[in-house]
Amino acid sequence: MNENFGKKRLQRSRSNRLLTGVCGGIGEFIGVDANLVRLAFAVLTLLGFSGVLVYIIAWVVMPEEGAETSVAEHVIRNFQGKKSDL
């Protein structure tokens, strides 16, 4: 039996995206419409620009649907590989 059966994974959506799939992925993970998540980011942005910062952080740390690594993990692994070549 698959050990990942029934486990949700927070990841960026490929099918429910406007920009990078962050809101679609969060919506799928918590079981709400992605438009509500987008609205929350818009409100956070209007209340002091924190929505943009949170969105960028989520984009960097959330892997894309079907991918094993996030943008941050990819950058760190590439940096470590280049560092060991020195």
PDB file of N, CA and C in Angstrom:
ATOM      1  N   MET A   1       0.842  -1.185   0.000  1.00  0.00           N
ATOM      2  CA  MET A   1       0.000   0.000   0.000  1.00  0.00           C
ATOM      3  C   MET A   1       0.883   1.241   0.000  1.00  0.00           C
ATOM      4  N   ASN A   2       0.455   2.272  -0.668  1.00  0.00           N
ATOM      5  CA  ASN A   2       1.216   3.509  -0.784  1.00  0.00           C
ATOM      6  C   ASN A   2       1.256   4.226   0.555  1.00  0.00           C
ATOM      7  N   GLU A   3       2.467   4.532   1.030  1.00  0.00           N
ATOM      8  CA  GLU A   3       2.601   5.194   2.339  1.00  0.00           C
ATOM      9  C   GLU A   3       2.137   6.643   2.322  1.00  0.00           C
ATOM     10  N   ASN A   4       2.023   7.261   1.133  1.00  0.00           N
ATOM     11  CA  ASN A   4       1.573   8.645   1.028  1.00  0.00           C
ATOM     12  C   ASN A   4       0.064   8.755   0.844  1.00  0.00           C
ATOM     13  N   PHE A   5      -0.633   7.620   0.857  1.00  0.00           N
ATOM     14  CA  PHE A   5      -2.072   7.626   0.656  1.00  0.00           C
ATOM     15  C   PHE A   5      -2.754   8.440   1.757  1.00  0.00           C
ATOM     16  N   GLY A   6      -3.579   9.396   1.352  1.00  0.00           N
ATOM     17  CA  GLY A   6      -4.337  10.193   2.303  1.00  0.00           C
ATOM     18  C   GLY A   6      -3.588  11.381   2.886  1.00  0.00           C
ATOM     19  N   LYS A   7      -2.327  11.521   2.558  1.00  0.00           N
ATOM     20  CA  LYS A   7      -1.546  12.654   3.076  1.00  0.00           C
ATOM     21  C   LYS A   7      -1.605  13.802   2.079  1.00  0.00           C
ATOM     22  N   LYS A   8      -1.957  14.963   2.585  1.00  0.00           N
ATOM     23  CA  LYS A   8      -1.956  16.148   1.751  1.00  0.00           C
ATOM     24  C   LYS A   8      -0.562  16.741   1.736  1.00  0.00           C
ATOM     25  N   ARG A   9      -0.212  17.358   0.627  1.00  0.00           N
ATOM     26  CA  ARG A   9       1.085  18.004   0.505  1.00  0.00           C
ATOM     27  C   ARG A   9       0.860  19.426   0.022  1.00  0.00           C
ATOM     28  N   LEU A  10       1.432  20.381   0.719  1.00  0.00           N
ATOM     29  CA  LEU A  10       1.308  21.784   0.323  1.00  0.00           C
ATOM     30  C   LEU A  10       2.217  22.018  -0.870  1.00  0.00           C
ATOM     31  N   GLN A  11       1.616  22.309  -2.026  1.00  0.00           N
ATOM     32  CA  GLN A  11       2.374  22.523  -3.249  1.00  0.00           C
ATOM     33  C   GLN A  11       1.639  23.502  -4.151  1.00  0.00           C
ATOM     34  N   ARG A  12       2.388  24.158  -5.023  1.00  0.00           N
ATOM     35  CA  ARG A  12       1.785  25.101  -5.958  1.00  0.00           C
ATOM     36  C   ARG A  12       0.995  24.343  -7.014  1.00  0.00           C
ATOM     37  N   SER A  13      -0.169  24.842  -7.335  1.00  0.00           N
ATOM     38  CA  SER A  13      -1.063  24.194  -8.287  1.00  0.00           C
ATOM     39  C   SER A  13      -0.633  24.488  -9.719  1.00  0.00           C
ATOM     40  N   ARG A  14      -0.734  23.485 -10.567  1.00  0.00           N
ATOM     41  CA  ARG A  14      -0.487  23.689 -11.998  1.00  0.00           C
ATOM     42  C   ARG A  14      -1.768  24.044 -12.733  1.00  0.00           C
ATOM     43  N   SER A  15      -2.900  23.580 -12.228  1.00  0.00           N
ATOM     44  CA  SER A  15      -4.165  23.775 -12.932  1.00  0.00           C
ATOM     45  C   SER A  15      -4.936  24.999 -12.447  1.00  0.00           C
ATOM     46  N   ASN A  16      -4.776  25.386 -11.208  1.00  0.00           N
ATOM     47  CA  ASN A  16      -5.534  26.492 -10.625  1.00  0.00           C
ATOM     48  C   ASN A  16      -4.574  27.630 -10.302  1.00  0.00           C
ATOM     49  N   ARG A  17      -4.106  28.308 -11.346  1.00  0.00           N
ATOM     50  CA  ARG A  17      -3.116  29.352 -11.137  1.00  0.00           C
ATOM     51  C   ARG A  17      -3.435  30.581 -11.971  1.00  0.00           C
ATOM     52  N   LEU A  18      -3.077  31.728 -11.413  1.00  0.00           N
ATOM     53  CA  LEU A  18      -3.094  32.972 -12.163  1.00  0.00           C
ATOM     54  C   LEU A  18      -1.658  33.422 -12.420  1.00  0.00           C
ATOM     55  N   LEU A  19      -0.827  33.358 -11.394  1.00  0.00           N
ATOM     56  CA  LEU A  19       0.594  33.695 -11.551  1.00  0.00           C
ATOM     57  C   LEU A  19       1.458  32.448 -11.394  1.00  0.00           C
ATOM     58  N   THR A  20       1.688  32.037 -10.152  1.00  0.00           N
ATOM     59  CA  THR A  20       2.587  30.912  -9.904  1.00  0.00           C
ATOM     60  C   THR A  20       1.894  29.709  -9.271  1.00  0.00           C
ATOM     61  N   GLY A  21       0.633  29.784  -8.978  1.00  0.00           N
ATOM     62  CA  GLY A  21      -0.104  28.663  -8.409  1.00  0.00           C
ATOM     63  C   GLY A  21      -0.101  28.594  -6.897  1.00  0.00           C
ATOM     64  N   VAL A  22       0.428  29.620  -6.228  1.00  0.00           N
ATOM     65  CA  VAL A  22       0.497  29.628  -4.761  1.00  0.00           C
ATOM     66  C   VAL A  22      -0.909  29.615  -4.159  1.00  0.00           C
ATOM     67  N   CYS A  23      -1.755  30.507  -4.571  1.00  0.00           N
ATOM     68  CA  CYS A  23      -3.106  30.594  -3.997  1.00  0.00           C
ATOM     69  C   CYS A  23      -3.925  29.352  -4.321  1.00  0.00           C
ATOM     70  N   GLY A  24      -3.782  28.830  -5.538  1.00  0.00           N
ATOM     71  CA  GLY A  24      -4.478  27.604  -5.902  1.00  0.00           C
ATOM     72  C   GLY A  24      -4.022  26.434  -5.047  1.00  0.00           C
ATOM     73  N   GLY A  25      -2.722  26.342  -4.810  1.00  0.00           N
ATOM     74  CA  GLY A  25      -2.181  25.266  -3.981  1.00  0.00           C
ATOM     75  C   GLY A  25      -2.626  25.361  -2.538  1.00  0.00           C
ATOM     76  N   ILE A  26      -2.614  26.572  -2.001  1.00  0.00           N
ATOM     77  CA  ILE A  26      -3.063  26.767  -0.617  1.00  0.00           C
ATOM     78  C   ILE A  26      -4.554  26.447  -0.507  1.00  0.00           C
ATOM     79  N   GLY A  27      -5.329  26.905  -1.481  1.00  0.00           N
ATOM     80  CA  GLY A  27      -6.761  26.618  -1.482  1.00  0.00           C
ATOM     81  C   GLY A  27      -7.058  25.133  -1.527  1.00  0.00           C
ATOM     82  N   GLU A  28      -6.334  24.403  -2.393  1.00  0.00           N
ATOM     83  CA  GLU A  28      -6.523  22.953  -2.475  1.00  0.00           C
ATOM     84  C   GLU A  28      -6.108  22.278  -1.173  1.00  0.00           C
ATOM     85  N   PHE A  29      -5.045  22.758  -0.545  1.00  0.00           N
ATOM     86  CA  PHE A  29      -4.538  22.143   0.680  1.00  0.00           C
ATOM     87  C   PHE A  29      -5.510  22.301   1.846  1.00  0.00           C
ATOM     88  N   ILE A  30      -6.080  23.516   1.999  1.00  0.00           N
ATOM     89  CA  ILE A  30      -6.973  23.751   3.133  1.00  0.00           C
ATOM     90  C   ILE A  30      -8.445  23.532   2.788  1.00  0.00           C
ATOM     91  N   GLY A  31      -8.738  23.266   1.508  1.00  0.00           N
ATOM     92  CA  GLY A  31     -10.099  22.935   1.114  1.00  0.00           C
ATOM     93  C   GLY A  31     -11.014  24.123   0.933  1.00  0.00           C
ATOM     94  N   VAL A  32     -10.473  25.248   0.483  1.00  0.00           N
ATOM     95  CA  VAL A  32     -11.311  26.415   0.194  1.00  0.00           C
ATOM     96  C   VAL A  32     -11.058  26.858  -1.242  1.00  0.00           C
ATOM     97  N   ASP A  33     -11.925  27.707  -1.741  1.00  0.00           N
ATOM     98  CA  ASP A  33     -11.777  28.246  -3.087  1.00  0.00           C
ATOM     99  C   ASP A  33     -10.514  29.108  -3.156  1.00  0.00           C
ATOM    100  N   ALA A  34      -9.756  28.961  -4.220  1.00  0.00           N
ATOM    101  CA  ALA A  34      -8.521  29.722  -4.391  1.00  0.00           C
ATOM    102  C   ALA A  34      -8.778  31.224  -4.431  1.00  0.00           C
ATOM    103  N   ASN A  35      -9.967  31.639  -4.867  1.00  0.00           N
ATOM    104  CA  ASN A  35     -10.279  33.063  -4.908  1.00  0.00           C
ATOM    105  C   ASN A  35     -10.337  33.668  -3.503  1.00  0.00           C
ATOM    106  N   LEU A  36     -10.740  32.886  -2.510  1.00  0.00           N
ATOM    107  CA  LEU A  36     -10.730  33.375  -1.128  1.00  0.00           C
ATOM    108  C   LEU A  36      -9.294  33.580  -0.650  1.00  0.00           C
ATOM    109  N   VAL A  37      -8.403  32.695  -1.044  1.00  0.00           N
ATOM    110  CA  VAL A  37      -6.988  32.845  -0.682  1.00  0.00           C
ATOM    111  C   VAL A  37      -6.419  34.073  -1.377  1.00  0.00           C
ATOM    112  N   ARG A  38      -6.769  34.268  -2.643  1.00  0.00           N
ATOM    113  CA  ARG A  38      -6.317  35.460  -3.376  1.00  0.00           C
ATOM    114  C   ARG A  38      -6.823  36.732  -2.707  1.00  0.00           C
ATOM    115  N   LEU A  39      -8.057  36.713  -2.262  1.00  0.00           N
ATOM    116  CA  LEU A  39      -8.628  37.855  -1.560  1.00  0.00           C
ATOM    117  C   LEU A  39      -7.866  38.136  -0.266  1.00  0.00           C
ATOM    118  N   ALA A  40      -7.504  37.078   0.452  1.00  0.00           N
ATOM    119  CA  ALA A  40      -6.735  37.249   1.692  1.00  0.00           C
ATOM    120  C   ALA A  40      -5.385  37.895   1.400  1.00  0.00           C
ATOM    121  N   PHE A  41      -4.713  37.456   0.335  1.00  0.00           N
ATOM    122  CA  PHE A  41      -3.439  38.071  -0.040  1.00  0.00           C
ATOM    123  C   PHE A  41      -3.630  39.538  -0.422  1.00  0.00           C
ATOM    124  N   ALA A  42      -4.731  39.853  -1.110  1.00  0.00           N
ATOM    125  CA  ALA A  42      -5.001  41.242  -1.494  1.00  0.00           C
ATOM    126  C   ALA A  42      -5.223  42.110  -0.257  1.00  0.00           C
ATOM    127  N   VAL A  43      -5.971  41.593   0.715  1.00  0.00           N
ATOM    128  CA  VAL A  43      -6.216  42.339   1.952  1.00  0.00           C
ATOM    129  C   VAL A  43      -4.905  42.556   2.709  1.00  0.00           C
ATOM    130  N   LEU A  44      -4.081  41.508   2.812  1.00  0.00           N
ATOM    131  CA  LEU A  44      -2.778  41.654   3.472  1.00  0.00           C
ATOM    132  C   LEU A  44      -1.918  42.693   2.772  1.00  0.00           C
ATOM    133  N   THR A  45      -1.995  42.731   1.461  1.00  0.00           N
ATOM    134  CA  THR A  45      -1.220  43.706   0.699  1.00  0.00           C
ATOM    135  C   THR A  45      -1.703  45.119   0.996  1.00  0.00           C
ATOM    136  N   LEU A  46      -3.002  45.299   1.052  1.00  0.00           N
ATOM    137  CA  LEU A  46      -3.552  46.629   1.338  1.00  0.00           C
ATOM    138  C   LEU A  46      -3.276  47.082   2.770  1.00  0.00           C
ATOM    139  N   LEU A  47      -3.052  46.123   3.658  1.00  0.00           N
ATOM    140  CA  LEU A  47      -2.799  46.454   5.059  1.00  0.00           C
ATOM    141  C   LEU A  47      -1.310  46.582   5.385  1.00  0.00           C
ATOM    142  N   GLY A  48      -0.514  46.843   4.394  1.00  0.00           N
ATOM    143  CA  GLY A  48       0.890  47.101   4.699  1.00  0.00           C
ATOM    144  C   GLY A  48       1.881  46.337   3.857  1.00  0.00           C
ATOM    145  N   PHE A  49       1.495  45.888   2.675  1.00  0.00           N
ATOM    146  CA  PHE A  49       2.395  45.259   1.717  1.00  0.00           C
ATOM    147  C   PHE A  49       2.885  43.885   2.149  1.00  0.00           C
ATOM    148  N   SER A  50       2.417  43.379   3.293  1.00  0.00           N
ATOM    149  CA  SER A  50       2.879  42.073   3.750  1.00  0.00           C
ATOM    150  C   SER A  50       2.368  40.938   2.861  1.00  0.00           C
ATOM    151  N   GLY A  51       1.267  41.123   2.154  1.00  0.00           N
ATOM    152  CA  GLY A  51       0.742  40.087   1.277  1.00  0.00           C
ATOM    153  C   GLY A  51       1.703  39.732   0.167  1.00  0.00           C
ATOM    154  N   VAL A  52       2.359  40.727  -0.411  1.00  0.00           N
ATOM    155  CA  VAL A  52       3.335  40.485  -1.472  1.00  0.00           C
ATOM    156  C   VAL A  52       4.522  39.705  -0.916  1.00  0.00           C
ATOM    157  N   LEU A  53       4.986  40.080   0.252  1.00  0.00           N
ATOM    158  CA  LEU A  53       6.115  39.398   0.870  1.00  0.00           C
ATOM    159  C   LEU A  53       5.775  37.945   1.189  1.00  0.00           C
ATOM    160  N   VAL A  54       4.613  37.706   1.761  1.00  0.00           N
ATOM    161  CA  VAL A  54       4.178  36.346   2.090  1.00  0.00           C
ATOM    162  C   VAL A  54       4.019  35.526   0.812  1.00  0.00           C
ATOM    163  N   TYR A  55       3.482  36.131  -0.242  1.00  0.00           N
ATOM    164  CA  TYR A  55       3.303  35.431  -1.512  1.00  0.00           C
ATOM    165  C   TYR A  55       4.656  35.018  -2.097  1.00  0.00           C
ATOM    166  N   ILE A  56       5.615  35.918  -2.088  1.00  0.00           N
ATOM    167  CA  ILE A  56       6.942  35.613  -2.632  1.00  0.00           C
ATOM    168  C   ILE A  56       7.613  34.501  -1.827  1.00  0.00           C
ATOM    169  N   ILE A  57       7.505  34.568  -0.503  1.00  0.00           N
ATOM    170  CA  ILE A  57       8.086  33.515   0.344  1.00  0.00           C
ATOM    171  C   ILE A  57       7.415  32.175   0.043  1.00  0.00           C
ATOM    172  N   ALA A  58       6.091  32.174  -0.094  1.00  0.00           N
ATOM    173  CA  ALA A  58       5.370  30.935  -0.398  1.00  0.00           C
ATOM    174  C   ALA A  58       5.801  30.388  -1.760  1.00  0.00           C
ATOM    175  N   TRP A  59       5.985  31.245  -2.753  1.00  0.00           N
ATOM    176  CA  TRP A  59       6.417  30.805  -4.073  1.00  0.00           C
ATOM    177  C   TRP A  59       7.797  30.142  -4.005  1.00  0.00           C
ATOM    178  N   VAL A  60       8.672  30.695  -3.184  1.00  0.00           N
ATOM    179  CA  VAL A  60      10.038  30.178  -3.085  1.00  0.00           C
ATOM    180  C   VAL A  60      10.081  28.840  -2.337  1.00  0.00           C
ATOM    181  N   VAL A  61       9.280  28.673  -1.301  1.00  0.00           N
ATOM    182  CA  VAL A  61       9.380  27.461  -0.472  1.00  0.00           C
ATOM    183  C   VAL A  61       8.407  26.343  -0.855  1.00  0.00           C
ATOM    184  N   MET A  62       7.356  26.635  -1.598  1.00  0.00           N
ATOM    185  CA  MET A  62       6.393  25.602  -1.997  1.00  0.00           C
ATOM    186  C   MET A  62       6.831  24.958  -3.308  1.00  0.00           C
ATOM    187  N   PRO A  63       6.957  23.634  -3.338  1.00  0.00           N
ATOM    188  CA  PRO A  63       7.275  22.985  -4.612  1.00  0.00           C
ATOM    189  C   PRO A  63       6.064  23.016  -5.536  1.00  0.00           C
ATOM    190  N   GLU A  64       6.328  22.981  -6.833  1.00  0.00           N
ATOM    191  CA  GLU A  64       5.239  22.929  -7.800  1.00  0.00           C
ATOM    192  C   GLU A  64       4.634  21.528  -7.797  1.00  0.00           C
ATOM    193  N   GLU A  65       3.366  21.449  -8.106  1.00  0.00           N
ATOM    194  CA  GLU A  65       2.671  20.164  -8.153  1.00  0.00           C
ATOM    195  C   GLU A  65       3.432  19.199  -9.064  1.00  0.00           C
ATOM    196  N   GLY A  66       3.762  18.027  -8.532  1.00  0.00           N
ATOM    197  CA  GLY A  66       4.489  17.025  -9.291  1.00  0.00           C
ATOM    198  C   GLY A  66       6.002  17.127  -9.161  1.00  0.00           C
ATOM    199  N   ALA A  67       6.501  18.219  -8.588  1.00  0.00           N
ATOM    200  CA  ALA A  67       7.944  18.384  -8.406  1.00  0.00           C
ATOM    201  C   ALA A  67       8.345  17.936  -7.010  1.00  0.00           C
ATOM    202  N   GLU A  68       9.556  17.501  -6.878  1.00  0.00           N
ATOM    203  CA  GLU A  68      10.063  17.058  -5.582  1.00  0.00           C
ATOM    204  C   GLU A  68      10.647  18.196  -4.758  1.00  0.00           C
ATOM    205  N   THR A  69      11.175  19.216  -5.426  1.00  0.00           N
ATOM    206  CA  THR A  69      11.867  20.290  -4.707  1.00  0.00           C
ATOM    207  C   THR A  69      11.261  21.645  -5.019  1.00  0.00           C
ATOM    208  N   SER A  70      11.439  22.573  -4.100  1.00  0.00           N
ATOM    209  CA  SER A  70      10.979  23.937  -4.293  1.00  0.00           C
ATOM    210  C   SER A  70      12.073  24.756  -4.961  1.00  0.00           C
ATOM    211  N   VAL A  71      11.763  25.990  -5.290  1.00  0.00           N
ATOM    212  CA  VAL A  71      12.752  26.899  -5.873  1.00  0.00           C
ATOM    213  C   VAL A  71      13.909  27.089  -4.896  1.00  0.00           C
ATOM    214  N   ALA A  72      13.603  27.242  -3.609  1.00  0.00           N
ATOM    215  CA  ALA A  72      14.646  27.453  -2.601  1.00  0.00           C
ATOM    216  C   ALA A  72      15.563  26.240  -2.510  1.00  0.00           C
ATOM    217  N   GLU A  73      14.995  25.039  -2.497  1.00  0.00           N
ATOM    218  CA  GLU A  73      15.816  23.830  -2.425  1.00  0.00           C
ATOM    219  C   GLU A  73      16.702  23.692  -3.655  1.00  0.00           C
ATOM    220  N   HIS A  74      16.168  24.032  -4.819  1.00  0.00           N
ATOM    221  CA  HIS A  74      16.932  23.963  -6.056  1.00  0.00           C
ATOM    222  C   HIS A  74      18.119  24.926  -6.019  1.00  0.00           C
ATOM    223  N   VAL A  75      17.882  26.148  -5.579  1.00  0.00           N
ATOM    224  CA  VAL A  75      18.957  27.147  -5.495  1.00  0.00           C
ATOM    225  C   VAL A  75      20.015  26.707  -4.489  1.00  0.00           C
ATOM    226  N   ILE A  76      19.597  26.215  -3.339  1.00  0.00           N
ATOM    227  CA  ILE A  76      20.554  25.786  -2.305  1.00  0.00           C
ATOM    228  C   ILE A  76      21.397  24.621  -2.814  1.00  0.00           C
ATOM    229  N   ARG A  77      20.770  23.653  -3.461  1.00  0.00           N
ATOM    230  CA  ARG A  77      21.527  22.505  -3.984  1.00  0.00           C
ATOM    231  C   ARG A  77      22.515  22.924  -5.060  1.00  0.00           C
ATOM    232  N   ASN A  78      22.099  23.854  -5.938  1.00  0.00           N
ATOM    233  CA  ASN A  78      23.023  24.349  -6.961  1.00  0.00           C
ATOM    234  C   ASN A  78      24.185  25.096  -6.330  1.00  0.00           C
ATOM    235  N   PHE A  79      23.911  25.892  -5.309  1.00  0.00           N
ATOM    236  CA  PHE A  79      24.967  26.639  -4.625  1.00  0.00           C
ATOM    237  C   PHE A  79      25.937  25.683  -3.936  1.00  0.00           C
ATOM    238  N   GLN A  80      25.414  24.660  -3.294  1.00  0.00           N
ATOM    239  CA  GLN A  80      26.268  23.689  -2.610  1.00  0.00           C
ATOM    240  C   GLN A  80      27.128  22.915  -3.622  1.00  0.00           C
ATOM    241  N   GLY A  81      26.560  22.598  -4.770  1.00  0.00           N
ATOM    242  CA  GLY A  81      27.306  21.897  -5.801  1.00  0.00           C
ATOM    243  C   GLY A  81      28.436  22.747  -6.349  1.00  0.00           C
ATOM    244  N   LYS A  82      28.188  24.026  -6.573  1.00  0.00           N
ATOM    245  CA  LYS A  82      29.226  24.925  -7.079  1.00  0.00           C
ATOM    246  C   LYS A  82      30.279  25.188  -6.015  1.00  0.00           C
ATOM    247  N   LYS A  83      29.855  25.244  -4.753  1.00  0.00           N
ATOM    248  CA  LYS A  83      30.787  25.491  -3.668  1.00  0.00           C
ATOM    249  C   LYS A  83      31.762  24.311  -3.519  1.00  0.00           C
ATOM    250  N   SER A  84      31.272  23.085  -3.705  1.00  0.00           N
ATOM    251  CA  SER A  84      32.144  21.916  -3.559  1.00  0.00           C
ATOM    252  C   SER A  84      33.093  21.777  -4.749  1.00  0.00           C
ATOM    253  N   ASP A  85      32.773  22.421  -5.883  1.00  0.00           N
ATOM    254  CA  ASP A  85      33.648  22.378  -7.051  1.00  0.00           C
ATOM    255  C   ASP A  85      34.871  23.251  -6.862  1.00  0.00           C
ATOM    256  N   LEU A  86      34.816  24.183  -5.907  1.00  0.00           N
ATOM    257  CA  LEU A  86      35.941  25.102  -5.704  1.00  0.00           C
ATOM    258  C   LEU A  86      37.072  24.441  -5.086  1.00  0.00           C
TER     259      LEU A  86
END
